[in-house]
PDB file of N, CA and C in Angstrom:
ATOM      1  N   CYS A   1     -24.163  17.074 -10.583  1.00  0.00           N
ATOM      2  CA  CYS A   1     -24.878  18.341 -10.496  1.00  0.00           C
ATOM      3  C   CYS A   1     -26.136  18.361 -11.360  1.00  0.00           C
ATOM      4  N   GLU A   2     -26.398  17.279 -12.047  1.00  0.00           N
ATOM      5  CA  GLU A   2     -27.529  17.272 -12.977  1.00  0.00           C
ATOM      6  C   GLU A   2     -28.843  17.769 -12.388  1.00  0.00           C
ATOM      7  N   PRO A   3     -29.222  17.390 -11.171  1.00  0.00           N
ATOM      8  CA  PRO A   3     -30.488  17.899 -10.632  1.00  0.00           C
ATOM      9  C   PRO A   3     -30.508  19.416 -10.449  1.00  0.00           C
ATOM     10  N   LEU A   4     -29.353  20.049 -10.434  1.00  0.00           N
ATOM     11  CA  LEU A   4     -29.299  21.494 -10.188  1.00  0.00           C
ATOM     12  C   LEU A   4     -29.087  22.309 -11.468  1.00  0.00           C
ATOM     13  N   LEU A   5     -28.980  21.671 -12.622  1.00  0.00           N
ATOM     14  CA  LEU A   5     -28.610  22.389 -13.836  1.00  0.00           C
ATOM     15  C   LEU A   5     -29.583  23.485 -14.229  1.00  0.00           C
ATOM     16  N   GLU A   6     -30.806  23.411 -13.789  1.00  0.00           N
ATOM     17  CA  GLU A   6     -31.785  24.448 -14.086  1.00  0.00           C
ATOM     18  C   GLU A   6     -31.724  25.608 -13.099  1.00  0.00           C
ATOM     19  N   ASP A   7     -30.948  25.445 -12.053  1.00  0.00           N
ATOM     20  CA  ASP A   7     -30.868  26.440 -10.978  1.00  0.00           C
ATOM     21  C   ASP A   7     -29.425  26.895 -10.815  1.00  0.00           C
ATOM     22  N   LYS A   8     -29.268  27.938 -10.032  1.00  0.00           N
ATOM     23  CA  LYS A   8     -27.948  28.404  -9.600  1.00  0.00           C
ATOM     24  C   LYS A   8     -27.967  28.443  -8.089  1.00  0.00           C
ATOM     25  N   VAL A   9     -26.855  28.054  -7.480  1.00  0.00           N
ATOM     26  CA  VAL A   9     -26.778  28.034  -6.028  1.00  0.00           C
ATOM     27  C   VAL A   9     -25.557  28.820  -5.572  1.00  0.00           C
ATOM     28  N   ASP A  10     -25.593  29.267  -4.318  1.00  0.00           N
ATOM     29  CA  ASP A  10     -24.466  29.986  -3.745  1.00  0.00           C
ATOM     30  C   ASP A  10     -23.478  29.054  -3.076  1.00  0.00           C
ATOM     31  N   VAL A  11     -23.952  27.883  -2.647  1.00  0.00           N
ATOM     32  CA  VAL A  11     -23.093  26.924  -1.956  1.00  0.00           C
ATOM     33  C   VAL A  11     -23.407  25.523  -2.458  1.00  0.00           C
ATOM     34  N   LEU A  12     -22.369  24.764  -2.727  1.00  0.00           N
ATOM     35  CA  LEU A  12     -22.492  23.376  -3.118  1.00  0.00           C
ATOM     36  C   LEU A  12     -21.628  22.558  -2.151  1.00  0.00           C
ATOM     37  N   VAL A  13     -22.281  21.702  -1.372  1.00  0.00           N
ATOM     38  CA  VAL A  13     -21.597  20.879  -0.366  1.00  0.00           C
ATOM     39  C   VAL A  13     -21.828  19.420  -0.737  1.00  0.00           C
ATOM     40  N   SER A  14     -20.760  18.628  -0.696  1.00  0.00           N
ATOM     41  CA  SER A  14     -20.910  17.229  -1.047  1.00  0.00           C
ATOM     42  C   SER A  14     -19.946  16.355  -0.237  1.00  0.00           C
ATOM     43  N   ASN A  15     -20.438  15.185   0.092  1.00  0.00           N
ATOM     44  CA  ASN A  15     -19.630  14.125   0.672  1.00  0.00           C
ATOM     45  C   ASN A  15     -19.696  12.979  -0.356  1.00  0.00           C
ATOM     46  N   PRO A  16     -18.972  13.130  -1.467  1.00  0.00           N
ATOM     47  CA  PRO A  16     -19.075  12.142  -2.544  1.00  0.00           C
ATOM     48  C   PRO A  16     -18.277  10.877  -2.225  1.00  0.00           C
ATOM     49  N   PRO A  17     -18.492   9.820  -2.975  1.00  0.00           N
ATOM     50  CA  PRO A  17     -17.654   8.634  -2.816  1.00  0.00           C
ATOM     51  C   PRO A  17     -16.199   8.990  -3.113  1.00  0.00           C
ATOM     52  N   TYR A  18     -15.283   8.596  -2.211  1.00  0.00           N
ATOM     53  CA  TYR A  18     -13.868   8.948  -2.403  1.00  0.00           C
ATOM     54  C   TYR A  18     -12.915   7.812  -2.035  1.00  0.00           C
ATOM     55  N   VAL A  19     -13.414   6.613  -1.867  1.00  0.00           N
ATOM     56  CA  VAL A  19     -12.553   5.464  -1.585  1.00  0.00           C
ATOM     57  C   VAL A  19     -12.210   4.802  -2.911  1.00  0.00           C
ATOM     58  N   ALA A  20     -10.930   4.524  -3.146  1.00  0.00           N
ATOM     59  CA  ALA A  20     -10.522   3.816  -4.363  1.00  0.00           C
ATOM     60  C   ALA A  20     -11.085   2.397  -4.325  1.00  0.00           C
ATOM     61  N   SER A  21     -11.513   1.904  -5.471  1.00  0.00           N
ATOM     62  CA  SER A  21     -12.110   0.565  -5.546  1.00  0.00           C
ATOM     63  C   SER A  21     -11.227  -0.486  -4.891  1.00  0.00           C
ATOM     64  N   ARG A  22      -9.923  -0.398  -5.117  1.00  0.00           N
ATOM     65  CA  ARG A  22      -8.983  -1.400  -4.571  1.00  0.00           C
ATOM     66  C   ARG A  22      -8.857  -1.314  -3.048  1.00  0.00           C
ATOM     67  N   GLU A  23      -9.318  -0.214  -2.451  1.00  0.00           N
ATOM     68  CA  GLU A  23      -9.235  -0.034  -1.009  1.00  0.00           C
ATOM     69  C   GLU A  23     -10.453  -0.615  -0.269  1.00  0.00           C
ATOM     70  N   TRP A  24     -11.475  -0.984  -1.013  1.00  0.00           N
ATOM     71  CA  TRP A  24     -12.737  -1.428  -0.416  1.00  0.00           C
ATOM     72  C   TRP A  24     -12.512  -2.560   0.597  1.00  0.00           C
ATOM     73  N   GLU A  25     -11.777  -3.581   0.237  1.00  0.00           N
ATOM     74  CA  GLU A  25     -11.575  -4.735   1.117  1.00  0.00           C
ATOM     75  C   GLU A  25     -10.792  -4.389   2.384  1.00  0.00           C
ATOM     76  N   ASN A  26     -10.040  -3.291   2.363  1.00  0.00           N
ATOM     77  CA  ASN A  26      -9.247  -2.895   3.522  1.00  0.00           C
ATOM     78  C   ASN A  26     -10.008  -1.985   4.499  1.00  0.00           C
ATOM     79  N   LEU A  27     -11.209  -1.602   4.145  1.00  0.00           N
ATOM     80  CA  LEU A  27     -12.015  -0.766   5.050  1.00  0.00           C
ATOM     81  C   LEU A  27     -12.417  -1.588   6.273  1.00  0.00           C
ATOM     82  N   GLU A  28     -12.637  -0.899   7.379  1.00  0.00           N
ATOM     83  CA  GLU A  28     -13.108  -1.581   8.573  1.00  0.00           C
ATOM     84  C   GLU A  28     -14.414  -2.324   8.253  1.00  0.00           C
ATOM     85  N   ALA A  29     -14.578  -3.468   8.864  1.00  0.00           N
ATOM     86  CA  ALA A  29     -15.758  -4.306   8.595  1.00  0.00           C
ATOM     87  C   ALA A  29     -17.053  -3.536   8.857  1.00  0.00           C
ATOM     88  N   VAL A  30     -17.077  -2.729   9.907  1.00  0.00           N
ATOM     89  CA  VAL A  30     -18.279  -1.990  10.226  1.00  0.00           C
ATOM     90  C   VAL A  30     -18.665  -1.040   9.080  1.00  0.00           C
ATOM     91  N   VAL A  31     -17.683  -0.531   8.387  1.00  0.00           N
ATOM     92  CA  VAL A  31     -17.951   0.353   7.239  1.00  0.00           C
ATOM     93  C   VAL A  31     -18.424  -0.486   6.054  1.00  0.00           C
ATOM     94  N   ARG A  32     -17.672  -1.521   5.707  1.00  0.00           N
ATOM     95  CA  ARG A  32     -17.996  -2.370   4.549  1.00  0.00           C
ATOM     96  C   ARG A  32     -19.376  -3.013   4.672  1.00  0.00           C
ATOM     97  N   GLU A  33     -19.722  -3.432   5.879  1.00  0.00           N
ATOM     98  CA  GLU A  33     -20.952  -4.193   6.063  1.00  0.00           C
ATOM     99  C   GLU A  33     -22.200  -3.321   6.186  1.00  0.00           C
ATOM    100  N   PHE A  34     -22.033  -2.045   6.529  1.00  0.00           N
ATOM    101  CA  PHE A  34     -23.201  -1.209   6.763  1.00  0.00           C
ATOM    102  C   PHE A  34     -23.350  -0.030   5.832  1.00  0.00           C
ATOM    103  N   GLU A  35     -22.321   0.289   5.094  1.00  0.00           N
ATOM    104  CA  GLU A  35     -22.406   1.393   4.122  1.00  0.00           C
ATOM    105  C   GLU A  35     -22.540   0.792   2.727  1.00  0.00           C
ATOM    106  N   PRO A  36     -23.452   1.313   1.932  1.00  0.00           N
ATOM    107  CA  PRO A  36     -23.555   0.818   0.558  1.00  0.00           C
ATOM    108  C   PRO A  36     -22.266   1.147  -0.212  1.00  0.00           C
ATOM    109  N   ARG A  37     -21.768   0.207  -0.966  1.00  0.00           N
ATOM    110  CA  ARG A  37     -20.540   0.427  -1.732  1.00  0.00           C
ATOM    111  C   ARG A  37     -20.678   1.648  -2.646  1.00  0.00           C
ATOM    112  N   LEU A  38     -21.831   1.844  -3.204  1.00  0.00           N
ATOM    113  CA  LEU A  38     -22.081   2.973  -4.097  1.00  0.00           C
ATOM    114  C   LEU A  38     -21.801   4.305  -3.409  1.00  0.00           C
ATOM    115  N   ALA A  39     -22.021   4.357  -2.094  1.00  0.00           N
ATOM    116  CA  ALA A  39     -21.820   5.600  -1.364  1.00  0.00           C
ATOM    117  C   ALA A  39     -20.339   5.883  -1.085  1.00  0.00           C
ATOM    118  N   LEU A  40     -19.485   4.887  -1.231  1.00  0.00           N
ATOM    119  CA  LEU A  40     -18.085   5.038  -0.856  1.00  0.00           C
ATOM    120  C   LEU A  40     -17.106   4.861  -2.005  1.00  0.00           C
ATOM    121  N   ASP A  41     -17.430   4.012  -2.966  1.00  0.00           N
ATOM    122  CA  ASP A  41     -16.483   3.647  -4.028  1.00  0.00           C
ATOM    123  C   ASP A  41     -16.391   4.774  -5.054  1.00  0.00           C
ATOM    124  N   GLY A  42     -15.245   5.441  -5.067  1.00  0.00           N
ATOM    125  CA  GLY A  42     -15.013   6.556  -5.967  1.00  0.00           C
ATOM    126  C   GLY A  42     -14.233   6.168  -7.210  1.00  0.00           C
ATOM    127  N   GLY A  43     -14.275   4.890  -7.569  1.00  0.00           N
ATOM    128  CA  GLY A  43     -13.607   4.439  -8.793  1.00  0.00           C
ATOM    129  C   GLY A  43     -12.165   4.055  -8.571  1.00  0.00           C
ATOM    130  N   GLU A  44     -11.458   3.848  -9.667  1.00  0.00           N
ATOM    131  CA  GLU A  44     -10.109   3.309  -9.627  1.00  0.00           C
ATOM    132  C   GLU A  44      -9.175   4.061  -8.681  1.00  0.00           C
ATOM    133  N   ASP A  45      -9.215   5.388  -8.738  1.00  0.00           N
ATOM    134  CA  ASP A  45      -8.320   6.177  -7.887  1.00  0.00           C
ATOM    135  C   ASP A  45      -9.056   6.896  -6.760  1.00  0.00           C
ATOM    136  N   GLY A  46     -10.355   6.641  -6.626  1.00  0.00           N
ATOM    137  CA  GLY A  46     -11.154   7.270  -5.584  1.00  0.00           C
ATOM    138  C   GLY A  46     -11.598   8.679  -5.926  1.00  0.00           C
ATOM    139  N   MET A  47     -11.262   9.161  -7.124  1.00  0.00           N
ATOM    140  CA  MET A  47     -11.547  10.563  -7.451  1.00  0.00           C
ATOM    141  C   MET A  47     -12.452  10.740  -8.673  1.00  0.00           C
ATOM    142  N   VAL A  48     -13.036   9.668  -9.154  1.00  0.00           N
ATOM    143  CA  VAL A  48     -13.887   9.756 -10.337  1.00  0.00           C
ATOM    144  C   VAL A  48     -15.058  10.714 -10.108  1.00  0.00           C
ATOM    145  N   VAL A  49     -15.765  10.536  -8.998  1.00  0.00           N
ATOM    146  CA  VAL A  49     -16.926  11.387  -8.715  1.00  0.00           C
ATOM    147  C   VAL A  49     -16.470  12.810  -8.378  1.00  0.00           C
ATOM    148  N   LEU A  50     -15.376  12.931  -7.645  1.00  0.00           N
ATOM    149  CA  LEU A  50     -14.847  14.267  -7.323  1.00  0.00           C
ATOM    150  C   LEU A  50     -14.525  15.050  -8.595  1.00  0.00           C
ATOM    151  N   ARG A  51     -13.857  14.408  -9.545  1.00  0.00           N
ATOM    152  CA  ARG A  51     -13.533  15.094 -10.805  1.00  0.00           C
ATOM    153  C   ARG A  51     -14.782  15.539 -11.539  1.00  0.00           C
ATOM    154  N   GLU A  52     -15.761  14.656 -11.616  1.00  0.00           N
ATOM    155  CA  GLU A  52     -17.005  14.983 -12.318  1.00  0.00           C
ATOM    156  C   GLU A  52     -17.753  16.116 -11.620  1.00  0.00           C
ATOM    157  N   LEU A  53     -17.827  16.047 -10.317  1.00  0.00           N
ATOM    158  CA  LEU A  53     -18.513  17.074  -9.543  1.00  0.00           C
ATOM    159  C   LEU A  53     -17.847  18.438  -9.713  1.00  0.00           C
ATOM    160  N   ILE A  54     -16.532  18.466  -9.644  1.00  0.00           N
ATOM    161  CA  ILE A  54     -15.808  19.736  -9.810  1.00  0.00           C
ATOM    162  C   ILE A  54     -16.002  20.276 -11.225  1.00  0.00           C
ATOM    163  N   SER A  55     -15.940  19.408 -12.217  1.00  0.00           N
ATOM    164  CA  SER A  55     -16.085  19.885 -13.591  1.00  0.00           C
ATOM    165  C   SER A  55     -17.488  20.411 -13.872  1.00  0.00           C
ATOM    166  N   GLN A  56     -18.507  19.857 -13.223  1.00  0.00           N
ATOM    167  CA  GLN A  56     -19.882  20.293 -13.435  1.00  0.00           C
ATOM    168  C   GLN A  56     -20.284  21.482 -12.544  1.00  0.00           C
ATOM    169  N   SER A  57     -19.558  21.695 -11.478  1.00  0.00           N
ATOM    170  CA  SER A  57     -19.976  22.669 -10.467  1.00  0.00           C
ATOM    171  C   SER A  57     -20.064  24.100 -10.995  1.00  0.00           C
ATOM    172  N   GLY A  58     -19.228  24.431 -11.944  1.00  0.00           N
ATOM    173  CA  GLY A  58     -19.272  25.779 -12.500  1.00  0.00           C
ATOM    174  C   GLY A  58     -20.603  26.106 -13.165  1.00  0.00           C
ATOM    175  N   ALA A  59     -21.295  25.082 -13.624  1.00  0.00           N
ATOM    176  CA  ALA A  59     -22.574  25.284 -14.278  1.00  0.00           C
ATOM    177  C   ALA A  59     -23.705  25.583 -13.297  1.00  0.00           C
ATOM    178  N   VAL A  60     -23.501  25.282 -12.024  1.00  0.00           N
ATOM    179  CA  VAL A  60     -24.582  25.494 -11.052  1.00  0.00           C
ATOM    180  C   VAL A  60     -24.238  26.508  -9.976  1.00  0.00           C
ATOM    181  N   LEU A  61     -22.960  26.819  -9.806  1.00  0.00           N
ATOM    182  CA  LEU A  61     -22.563  27.776  -8.770  1.00  0.00           C
ATOM    183  C   LEU A  61     -22.643  29.205  -9.290  1.00  0.00           C
ATOM    184  N   ASN A  62     -23.241  30.071  -8.518  1.00  0.00           N
ATOM    185  CA  ASN A  62     -23.227  31.499  -8.833  1.00  0.00           C
ATOM    186  C   ASN A  62     -21.790  32.013  -8.746  1.00  0.00           C
ATOM    187  N   PRO A  63     -21.476  33.099  -9.455  1.00  0.00           N
ATOM    188  CA  PRO A  63     -20.165  33.718  -9.274  1.00  0.00           C
ATOM    189  C   PRO A  63     -19.928  34.032  -7.801  1.00  0.00           C
ATOM    190  N   GLY A  64     -18.759  33.680  -7.313  1.00  0.00           N
ATOM    191  CA  GLY A  64     -18.442  33.852  -5.898  1.00  0.00           C
ATOM    192  C   GLY A  64     -18.940  32.721  -5.020  1.00  0.00           C
ATOM    193  N   GLY A  65     -19.654  31.757  -5.621  1.00  0.00           N
ATOM    194  CA  GLY A  65     -20.212  30.654  -4.856  1.00  0.00           C
ATOM    195  C   GLY A  65     -19.145  29.729  -4.297  1.00  0.00           C
ATOM    196  N   LEU A  66     -19.480  29.084  -3.224  1.00  0.00           N
ATOM    197  CA  LEU A  66     -18.567  28.207  -2.484  1.00  0.00           C
ATOM    198  C   LEU A  66     -18.841  26.752  -2.820  1.00  0.00           C
ATOM    199  N   ILE A  67     -17.782  25.989  -3.042  1.00  0.00           N
ATOM    200  CA  ILE A  67     -17.876  24.523  -3.131  1.00  0.00           C
ATOM    201  C   ILE A  67     -17.086  23.971  -1.945  1.00  0.00           C
ATOM    202  N   ALA A  68     -17.690  23.014  -1.250  1.00  0.00           N
ATOM    203  CA  ALA A  68     -17.068  22.368  -0.091  1.00  0.00           C
ATOM    204  C   ALA A  68     -17.204  20.862  -0.272  1.00  0.00           C
ATOM    205  N   LEU A  69     -16.082  20.176  -0.312  1.00  0.00           N
ATOM    206  CA  LEU A  69     -16.071  18.749  -0.578  1.00  0.00           C
ATOM    207  C   LEU A  69     -15.380  17.983   0.544  1.00  0.00           C
ATOM    208  N   GLU A  70     -16.013  16.924   1.005  1.00  0.00           N
ATOM    209  CA  GLU A  70     -15.334  16.037   1.948  1.00  0.00           C
ATOM    210  C   GLU A  70     -14.578  15.000   1.138  1.00  0.00           C
ATOM    211  N   THR A  71     -13.397  14.654   1.608  1.00  0.00           N
ATOM    212  CA  THR A  71     -12.603  13.612   0.989  1.00  0.00           C
ATOM    213  C   THR A  71     -11.782  12.964   2.091  1.00  0.00           C
ATOM    214  N   ASP A  72     -10.921  12.068   1.738  1.00  0.00           N
ATOM    215  CA  ASP A  72     -10.054  11.482   2.767  1.00  0.00           C
ATOM    216  C   ASP A  72      -8.704  12.196   2.739  1.00  0.00           C
ATOM    217  N   SER A  73      -7.913  11.973   3.776  1.00  0.00           N
ATOM    218  CA  SER A  73      -6.651  12.708   3.894  1.00  0.00           C
ATOM    219  C   SER A  73      -5.691  12.393   2.764  1.00  0.00           C
ATOM    220  N   ALA A  74      -5.788  11.212   2.185  1.00  0.00           N
ATOM    221  CA  ALA A  74      -4.887  10.855   1.086  1.00  0.00           C
ATOM    222  C   ALA A  74      -5.215  11.601  -0.205  1.00  0.00           C
ATOM    223  N   ARG A  75      -6.434  12.138  -0.326  1.00  0.00           N
ATOM    224  CA  ARG A  75      -6.867  12.781  -1.563  1.00  0.00           C
ATOM    225  C   ARG A  75      -7.192  14.256  -1.403  1.00  0.00           C
ATOM    226  N   ALA A  76      -7.043  14.794  -0.222  1.00  0.00           N
ATOM    227  CA  ALA A  76      -7.420  16.196   0.019  1.00  0.00           C
ATOM    228  C   ALA A  76      -6.589  17.153  -0.819  1.00  0.00           C
ATOM    229  N   ALA A  77      -5.290  16.959  -0.858  1.00  0.00           N
ATOM    230  CA  ALA A  77      -4.431  17.871  -1.635  1.00  0.00           C
ATOM    231  C   ALA A  77      -4.724  17.739  -3.127  1.00  0.00           C
ATOM    232  N   ALA A  78      -4.938  16.531  -3.612  1.00  0.00           N
ATOM    233  CA  ALA A  78      -5.263  16.325  -5.033  1.00  0.00           C
ATOM    234  C   ALA A  78      -6.611  16.959  -5.373  1.00  0.00           C
ATOM    235  N   THR A  79      -7.554  16.903  -4.445  1.00  0.00           N
ATOM    236  CA  THR A  79      -8.853  17.531  -4.666  1.00  0.00           C
ATOM    237  C   THR A  79      -8.683  19.048  -4.751  1.00  0.00           C
ATOM    238  N   ALA A  80      -7.864  19.609  -3.887  1.00  0.00           N
ATOM    239  CA  ALA A  80      -7.593  21.047  -3.932  1.00  0.00           C
ATOM    240  C   ALA A  80      -6.939  21.428  -5.252  1.00  0.00           C
ATOM    241  N   ARG A  81      -6.023  20.599  -5.745  1.00  0.00           N
ATOM    242  CA  ARG A  81      -5.378  20.887  -7.044  1.00  0.00           C
ATOM    243  C   ARG A  81      -6.407  20.858  -8.168  1.00  0.00           C
ATOM    244  N   LEU A  82      -7.370  19.927  -8.104  1.00  0.00           N
ATOM    245  CA  LEU A  82      -8.434  19.898  -9.114  1.00  0.00           C
ATOM    246  C   LEU A  82      -9.266  21.166  -9.080  1.00  0.00           C
ATOM    247  N   LEU A  83      -9.594  21.637  -7.885  1.00  0.00           N
ATOM    248  CA  LEU A  83     -10.335  22.882  -7.759  1.00  0.00           C
ATOM    249  C   LEU A  83      -9.552  24.044  -8.347  1.00  0.00           C
ATOM    250  N   ASP A  84      -8.282  24.089  -8.038  1.00  0.00           N
ATOM    251  CA  ASP A  84      -7.413  25.147  -8.553  1.00  0.00           C
ATOM    252  C   ASP A  84      -7.351  25.080 -10.086  1.00  0.00           C
ATOM    253  N   SER A  85      -7.170  23.889 -10.622  1.00  0.00           N
ATOM    254  CA  SER A  85      -7.096  23.707 -12.083  1.00  0.00           C
ATOM    255  C   SER A  85      -8.402  24.075 -12.762  1.00  0.00           C
ATOM    256  N   ALA A  86      -9.515  23.915 -12.056  1.00  0.00           N
ATOM    257  CA  ALA A  86     -10.824  24.230 -12.627  1.00  0.00           C
ATOM    258  C   ALA A  86     -11.126  25.729 -12.522  1.00  0.00           C
ATOM    259  N   GLY A  87     -10.195  26.510 -11.976  1.00  0.00           N
ATOM    260  CA  GLY A  87     -10.367  27.963 -11.944  1.00  0.00           C
ATOM    261  C   GLY A  87     -10.967  28.492 -10.658  1.00  0.00           C
ATOM    262  N   PHE A  88     -11.106  27.646  -9.648  1.00  0.00           N
ATOM    263  CA  PHE A  88     -11.622  28.131  -8.373  1.00  0.00           C
ATOM    264  C   PHE A  88     -10.560  28.963  -7.678  1.00  0.00           C
ATOM    265  N   ILE A  89     -10.997  29.906  -6.871  1.00  0.00           N
ATOM    266  CA  ILE A  89     -10.087  30.772  -6.122  1.00  0.00           C
ATOM    267  C   ILE A  89     -10.256  30.485  -4.637  1.00  0.00           C
ATOM    268  N   GLU A  90      -9.350  31.031  -3.840  1.00  0.00           N
ATOM    269  CA  GLU A  90      -9.385  30.851  -2.392  1.00  0.00           C
ATOM    270  C   GLU A  90      -9.476  29.365  -2.022  1.00  0.00           C
ATOM    271  N   VAL A  91      -8.790  28.522  -2.795  1.00  0.00           N
ATOM    272  CA  VAL A  91      -8.812  27.088  -2.563  1.00  0.00           C
ATOM    273  C   VAL A  91      -8.028  26.791  -1.280  1.00  0.00           C
ATOM    274  N   GLN A  92      -8.618  25.952  -0.450  1.00  0.00           N
ATOM    275  CA  GLN A  92      -7.934  25.565   0.782  1.00  0.00           C
ATOM    276  C   GLN A  92      -8.357  24.170   1.208  1.00  0.00           C
ATOM    277  N   VAL A  93      -7.517  23.562   2.014  1.00  0.00           N
ATOM    278  CA  VAL A  93      -7.828  22.270   2.633  1.00  0.00           C
ATOM    279  C   VAL A  93      -7.958  22.501   4.129  1.00  0.00           C
ATOM    280  N   LEU A  94      -9.019  21.971   4.701  1.00  0.00           N
ATOM    281  CA  LEU A  94      -9.260  22.111   6.147  1.00  0.00           C
ATOM    282  C   LEU A  94      -9.178  20.747   6.810  1.00  0.00           C
ATOM    283  N   ASN A  95      -8.791  20.757   8.067  1.00  0.00           N
ATOM    284  CA  ASN A  95      -8.657  19.538   8.841  1.00  0.00           C
ATOM    285  C   ASN A  95      -9.961  19.180   9.544  1.00  0.00           C
ATOM    286  N   ASP A  96     -10.118  17.876   9.808  1.00  0.00           N
ATOM    287  CA  ASP A  96     -11.243  17.424  10.614  1.00  0.00           C
ATOM    288  C   ASP A  96     -10.891  17.572  12.090  1.00  0.00           C
ATOM    289  N   LEU A  97     -11.743  17.116  12.965  1.00  0.00           N
ATOM    290  CA  LEU A  97     -11.535  17.290  14.400  1.00  0.00           C
ATOM    291  C   LEU A  97     -10.323  16.503  14.920  1.00  0.00           C
ATOM    292  N   GLN A  98      -9.860  15.499  14.176  1.00  0.00           N
ATOM    293  CA  GLN A  98      -8.665  14.748  14.556  1.00  0.00           C
ATOM    294  C   GLN A  98      -7.398  15.321  13.938  1.00  0.00           C
ATOM    295  N   GLY A  99      -7.525  16.450  13.258  1.00  0.00           N
ATOM    296  CA  GLY A  99      -6.370  17.103  12.660  1.00  0.00           C
ATOM    297  C   GLY A  99      -5.953  16.560  11.314  1.00  0.00           C
ATOM    298  N   ARG A 100      -6.794  15.749  10.673  1.00  0.00           N
ATOM    299  CA  ARG A 100      -6.477  15.184   9.357  1.00  0.00           C
ATOM    300  C   ARG A 100      -7.070  16.056   8.256  1.00  0.00           C
ATOM    301  N   PRO A 101      -6.310  16.294   7.181  1.00  0.00           N
ATOM    302  CA  PRO A 101      -6.849  17.082   6.056  1.00  0.00           C
ATOM    303  C   PRO A 101      -7.973  16.305   5.378  1.00  0.00           C
ATOM    304  N   ARG A 102      -9.199  16.839   5.455  1.00  0.00           N
ATOM    305  CA  ARG A 102     -10.365  16.092   4.976  1.00  0.00           C
ATOM    306  C   ARG A 102     -11.335  16.892   4.134  1.00  0.00           C
ATOM    307  N   TYR A 103     -11.170  18.207   4.047  1.00  0.00           N
ATOM    308  CA  TYR A 103     -12.138  19.036   3.332  1.00  0.00           C
ATOM    309  C   TYR A 103     -11.405  19.951   2.379  1.00  0.00           C
ATOM    310  N   ALA A 104     -11.916  20.040   1.152  1.00  0.00           N
ATOM    311  CA  ALA A 104     -11.368  20.984   0.180  1.00  0.00           C
ATOM    312  C   ALA A 104     -12.455  21.977  -0.169  1.00  0.00           C
ATOM    313  N   LEU A 105     -12.081  23.248  -0.148  1.00  0.00           N
ATOM    314  CA  LEU A 105     -13.036  24.331  -0.434  1.00  0.00           C
ATOM    315  C   LEU A 105     -12.469  25.249  -1.489  1.00  0.00           C
ATOM    316  N   GLY A 106     -13.357  25.880  -2.223  1.00  0.00           N
ATOM    317  CA  GLY A 106     -12.959  26.884  -3.190  1.00  0.00           C
ATOM    318  C   GLY A 106     -14.137  27.764  -3.544  1.00  0.00           C
ATOM    319  N   ARG A 107     -13.845  28.917  -4.114  1.00  0.00           N
ATOM    320  CA  ARG A 107     -14.878  29.845  -4.556  1.00  0.00           C
ATOM    321  C   ARG A 107     -14.810  29.994  -6.071  1.00  0.00           C
ATOM    322  N   ARG A 108     -15.981  30.060  -6.685  1.00  0.00           N
ATOM    323  CA  ARG A 108     -16.039  30.321  -8.116  1.00  0.00           C
ATOM    324  C   ARG A 108     -15.705  31.793  -8.334  1.00  0.00           C
ATOM    325  N   LYS A 109     -14.921  32.065  -9.338  1.00  0.00           N
ATOM    326  CA  LYS A 109     -14.563  33.465  -9.631  1.00  0.00           C
ATOM    327  C   LYS A 109     -15.809  34.295  -9.859  1.00  0.00           C
ATOM    328  N   GLU A 110     -15.728  35.557  -9.470  1.00  0.00           N
ATOM    329  CA  GLU A 110     -16.839  36.506  -9.675  1.00  0.00           C
ATOM    330  C   GLU A 110     -17.012  36.800 -11.152  1.00  0.00           C
TER     331      GLU A 110
END
């Protein structure tokens, strides 16, 4: 959130890196060969960037502001728990078009 620290926003949307480092070699070749690792590798458990983003988001979100994060189905519930632990309200997980839990949303308290 560093580029936004001087501002306040109503909505923060991110598709951060969320693949665990150990999962990199198991990704489909088309993903590994054409996506920069930096864009996908979310650290040891895949949640390093998600944790940092959630912890910093309160500094840039207006009261009542929405945070919407894309993640993978294996980490969607854990991402929602992080939002809840950080004090967000109306936390929910939404499914993608294939019915997989892929998005975590929450609102900053008023």
